[in-house]
Amino acid sequence: MDLQRKESKEFLNDLTTRDQRMMCATVTMAHMADSKEQLDADTETILSTARRHLCQLAVLKFQQTDGLNTVLPIGCKKIQATRTLTTESLAVFMPFKVQELAHEHGIYYGQNAISNNMIIANRKCLLNGNSFILGVSGSGKSFTGKCEIANLMLAGDSDIIIIDPEREYAPLVNAMGGAIIDISATSKSINKQ
């Protein structure tokens, strides 16, 4: 009773002083296996892991269809087991709060670390389309830049200006049909007055 009183006081303190909200939540989890024996073994492993971390799980007996319909991302809650949580505690169960970037006519820039989805961006649609490619020697900075230039040239009508003091990008510019302008004190490209 002392423990329940202490937990109730902490819960009330969260609601009154820490600006938390009280929410009712249903947390369901589905796992599948190839055989009944494997399913039972996996279930026991999951239950023992949960008990080790002081979490209470229950198996849905004779409610597997309702449990599956609740787990599917269709917004249909068939299980009537709810638990009261604060908004801070409930936020832990929101793994899908991810900012995705998938522009139309964009090019591939990498993989989202949280959702593992591709990042397809069109710099013209961004608030600030600038970027930096940073890394140690030999890490692939030039290769990354050349891949991005090739993707931009093949994807659309982008105007690309490369300032290349080491003439590293000259073969790519020639292959893409670009123009190379030498800028120096002795350059024939600059009119002298």
Protein backbone atom coordinates (compact mmCIF):
# COMPACT_ATOMS: atom_id res chain seq x y z
CA MET A 1 0.00 0.00 0.00
CA ASP A 2 2.90 2.34 0.74
CA LEU A 3 4.32 1.63 -2.72
CA GLN A 4 0.95 2.32 -4.36
CA ARG A 5 0.59 5.55 -2.37
CA LYS A 6 4.08 6.64 -3.43
CA GLU A 7 3.38 5.85 -7.12
CA SER A 8 0.07 7.72 -6.93
CA LYS A 9 1.80 10.79 -5.47
CA GLU A 10 4.46 10.69 -8.20
CA PHE A 11 1.76 10.35 -10.86
CA LEU A 12 -0.18 13.30 -9.42
CA ASN A 13 3.03 15.33 -9.19
CA ASP A 14 3.72 14.64 -12.89
CA LEU A 15 0.23 15.82 -13.79
CA THR A 16 0.24 18.99 -11.67
CA THR A 17 3.80 20.31 -11.70
CA ARG A 18 5.43 18.82 -14.82
CA ASP A 19 2.56 19.64 -17.20
CA GLN A 20 1.97 15.99 -18.15
CA ARG A 21 -1.34 14.64 -19.41
CA MET A 22 -3.00 11.39 -18.41
CA MET A 23 -3.55 9.07 -21.37
CA CYS A 24 -5.10 5.64 -21.72
CA ALA A 25 -3.06 3.33 -23.95
CA THR A 26 -3.24 -0.18 -25.32
CA VAL A 27 0.12 -1.70 -26.17
CA THR A 28 -0.07 -4.90 -28.22
CA MET A 29 2.68 -6.95 -29.79
CA ALA A 30 2.45 -9.81 -32.29
CA HIS A 31 5.07 -12.42 -33.01
CA MET A 32 4.92 -15.38 -35.35
CA ALA A 33 6.82 -18.62 -35.82
CA ASP A 34 6.97 -21.55 -38.23
CA SER A 35 5.75 -24.13 -35.69
CA LYS A 36 3.76 -24.28 -32.45
CA GLU A 37 6.85 -25.39 -30.52
CA GLN A 38 8.88 -22.46 -31.83
CA LEU A 39 6.01 -20.08 -31.04
CA ASP A 40 5.80 -21.35 -27.44
CA ALA A 41 9.58 -21.06 -27.00
CA ASP A 42 9.61 -17.53 -28.40
CA THR A 43 6.66 -16.56 -26.20
CA GLU A 44 8.46 -17.79 -23.09
CA THR A 45 11.61 -15.90 -24.08
CA ILE A 46 9.65 -12.66 -24.60
CA LEU A 47 7.79 -13.07 -21.29
CA SER A 48 11.00 -13.75 -19.34
CA THR A 49 12.72 -10.76 -20.96
CA ALA A 50 9.77 -8.55 -20.05
CA ARG A 51 9.74 -9.81 -16.45
CA ARG A 52 13.48 -9.14 -16.20
CA HIS A 53 12.81 -5.48 -17.12
CA LEU A 54 9.81 -5.24 -14.75
CA CYS A 55 7.25 -5.18 -17.57
CA GLN A 56 4.06 -7.15 -17.33
CA LEU A 57 2.91 -8.96 -20.49
CA ALA A 58 -0.01 -11.30 -20.99
CA VAL A 59 -0.75 -13.79 -23.75
CA LEU A 60 -4.00 -13.29 -25.66
CA LYS A 61 -5.61 -16.70 -25.40
CA PHE A 62 -8.64 -17.17 -27.66
CA GLN A 63 -8.18 -13.55 -28.81
CA GLN A 64 -5.49 -13.98 -31.45
CA THR A 65 -7.64 -12.56 -34.26
CA ASP A 66 -8.57 -9.51 -32.19
CA GLY A 67 -4.91 -9.06 -31.23
CA LEU A 68 -3.79 -9.24 -34.86
CA ASN A 69 -6.44 -6.71 -35.91
CA THR A 70 -5.28 -4.40 -33.11
CA VAL A 71 -1.61 -4.69 -34.09
CA LEU A 72 -2.20 -3.97 -37.79
CA PRO A 73 -1.76 -0.27 -38.69
CA ILE A 74 -5.41 0.18 -39.70
CA GLY A 75 -6.57 2.01 -36.59
CA CYS A 76 -8.90 -0.72 -35.32
CA LYS A 77 -8.69 -1.45 -31.57
CA LYS A 78 -10.22 -4.82 -30.71
CA ILE A 79 -8.45 -5.43 -27.38
CA GLN A 80 -10.06 -3.65 -24.42
CA ALA A 81 -7.04 -3.80 -22.11
CA THR A 82 -5.91 -0.24 -21.39
CA ARG A 83 -3.34 1.23 -19.07
CA THR A 84 -3.06 4.78 -17.76
CA LEU A 85 0.21 6.49 -18.67
CA THR A 86 1.56 10.01 -18.71
CA THR A 87 2.38 11.63 -22.03
CA GLU A 88 6.12 11.34 -21.31
CA SER A 89 5.84 7.60 -20.70
CA LEU A 90 3.60 7.09 -23.71
CA ALA A 91 6.00 8.94 -26.03
CA VAL A 92 8.44 6.02 -25.70
CA PHE A 93 6.02 3.84 -27.68
CA MET A 94 5.91 6.15 -30.72
CA PRO A 95 8.59 4.77 -33.05
CA PHE A 96 6.99 6.17 -36.21
CA LYS A 97 7.55 9.86 -35.45
CA VAL A 98 10.10 10.28 -38.20
CA GLN A 99 10.60 13.15 -40.61
CA GLU A 100 10.75 11.66 -44.10
CA LEU A 101 12.19 13.43 -47.12
CA ALA A 102 10.90 12.16 -50.47
CA HIS A 103 10.59 14.93 -53.04
CA GLU A 104 9.29 14.40 -56.52
CA HIS A 105 12.12 14.58 -59.08
CA GLY A 106 14.66 14.31 -56.25
CA ILE A 107 17.87 12.34 -56.14
CA TYR A 108 19.12 9.77 -53.63
CA TYR A 109 21.12 11.22 -50.73
CA GLY A 110 21.27 8.29 -48.33
CA GLN A 111 19.21 6.37 -45.82
CA ASN A 112 17.17 7.68 -42.89
CA ALA A 113 18.88 6.42 -39.72
CA ILE A 114 15.58 5.93 -37.86
CA SER A 115 13.18 4.52 -40.46
CA ASN A 116 15.76 3.07 -42.89
CA ASN A 117 13.83 4.67 -45.77
CA MET A 118 15.66 6.34 -48.65
CA ILE A 119 16.20 10.09 -48.53
CA ILE A 120 15.13 11.45 -51.93
CA ALA A 121 15.58 15.21 -52.00
CA ASN A 122 15.26 17.97 -54.54
CA ARG A 123 17.42 20.86 -53.35
CA LYS A 124 15.26 23.35 -55.22
CA CYS A 125 12.38 22.48 -52.87
CA LEU A 126 14.40 22.98 -49.67
CA LEU A 127 14.54 26.19 -47.67
CA ASN A 128 18.33 26.17 -47.95
CA GLY A 129 19.69 23.91 -50.68
CA ASN A 130 23.36 24.23 -49.72
CA SER A 131 25.43 21.28 -48.52
CA PHE A 132 28.90 20.36 -47.38
CA ILE A 133 30.68 17.08 -47.97
CA LEU A 134 33.06 16.54 -45.06
CA GLY A 135 35.34 13.62 -44.29
CA VAL A 136 38.89 12.43 -43.87
CA SER A 137 41.20 11.79 -46.82
CA GLY A 138 40.16 8.77 -48.83
CA SER A 139 36.63 8.60 -47.40
CA GLY A 140 34.94 9.29 -50.74
CA LYS A 141 34.20 13.02 -50.70
CA SER A 142 35.09 13.52 -54.38
CA PHE A 143 33.24 10.38 -55.41
CA THR A 144 30.13 11.54 -53.55
CA GLY A 145 30.31 14.95 -55.22
CA LYS A 146 30.78 13.41 -58.67
CA CYS A 147 27.85 11.03 -58.12
CA GLU A 148 25.62 13.93 -57.11
CA ILE A 149 26.67 15.96 -60.15
CA ALA A 150 25.99 13.01 -62.46
CA ASN A 151 22.59 12.40 -60.85
CA LEU A 152 21.64 16.06 -61.20
CA MET A 153 22.71 16.15 -64.85
CA LEU A 154 20.80 12.99 -65.70
CA ALA A 155 17.70 13.93 -63.67
CA GLY A 156 16.86 17.31 -65.09
CA ASP A 157 17.82 20.74 -66.26
CA SER A 158 20.08 21.86 -63.46
CA ASP A 159 22.76 24.49 -63.97
CA ILE A 160 25.90 23.20 -62.29
CA ILE A 161 28.95 25.37 -61.68
CA ILE A 162 32.04 23.65 -60.33
CA ILE A 163 35.00 25.60 -58.97
CA ASP A 164 37.81 23.10 -59.37
CA PRO A 165 41.33 24.47 -58.67
CA GLU A 166 42.88 20.99 -58.97
CA ARG A 167 41.06 20.10 -62.24
CA GLU A 168 39.75 16.96 -60.59
CA TYR A 169 36.29 17.22 -62.17
CA ALA A 170 37.45 17.87 -65.77
CA PRO A 171 36.87 14.30 -67.03
CA LEU A 172 33.32 14.30 -65.63
CA VAL A 173 32.57 17.71 -67.16
CA ASN A 174 33.86 16.53 -70.54
CA ALA A 175 31.83 13.31 -70.32
CA MET A 176 28.66 15.27 -69.54
CA GLY A 177 29.22 17.74 -72.38
CA GLY A 178 30.05 20.68 -70.17
CA ALA A 179 32.35 23.61 -70.71
CA ILE A 180 35.61 24.21 -68.88
CA ILE A 181 36.67 27.82 -68.37
CA ASP A 182 40.21 28.48 -67.17
CA ILE A 183 40.40 31.45 -64.85
CA SER A 184 43.89 32.74 -64.21
CA ALA A 185 46.09 35.74 -64.90
CA THR A 186 47.33 34.08 -68.12
CA SER A 187 44.02 32.58 -69.19
CA LYS A 188 42.81 33.13 -72.76
CA SER A 189 39.19 32.90 -71.51
CA ILE A 190 39.32 36.28 -69.79
CA ASN A 191 39.38 39.49 -71.82
CA LYS A 192 42.20 41.76 -70.79
CA GLN A 193 41.59 45.50 -70.88
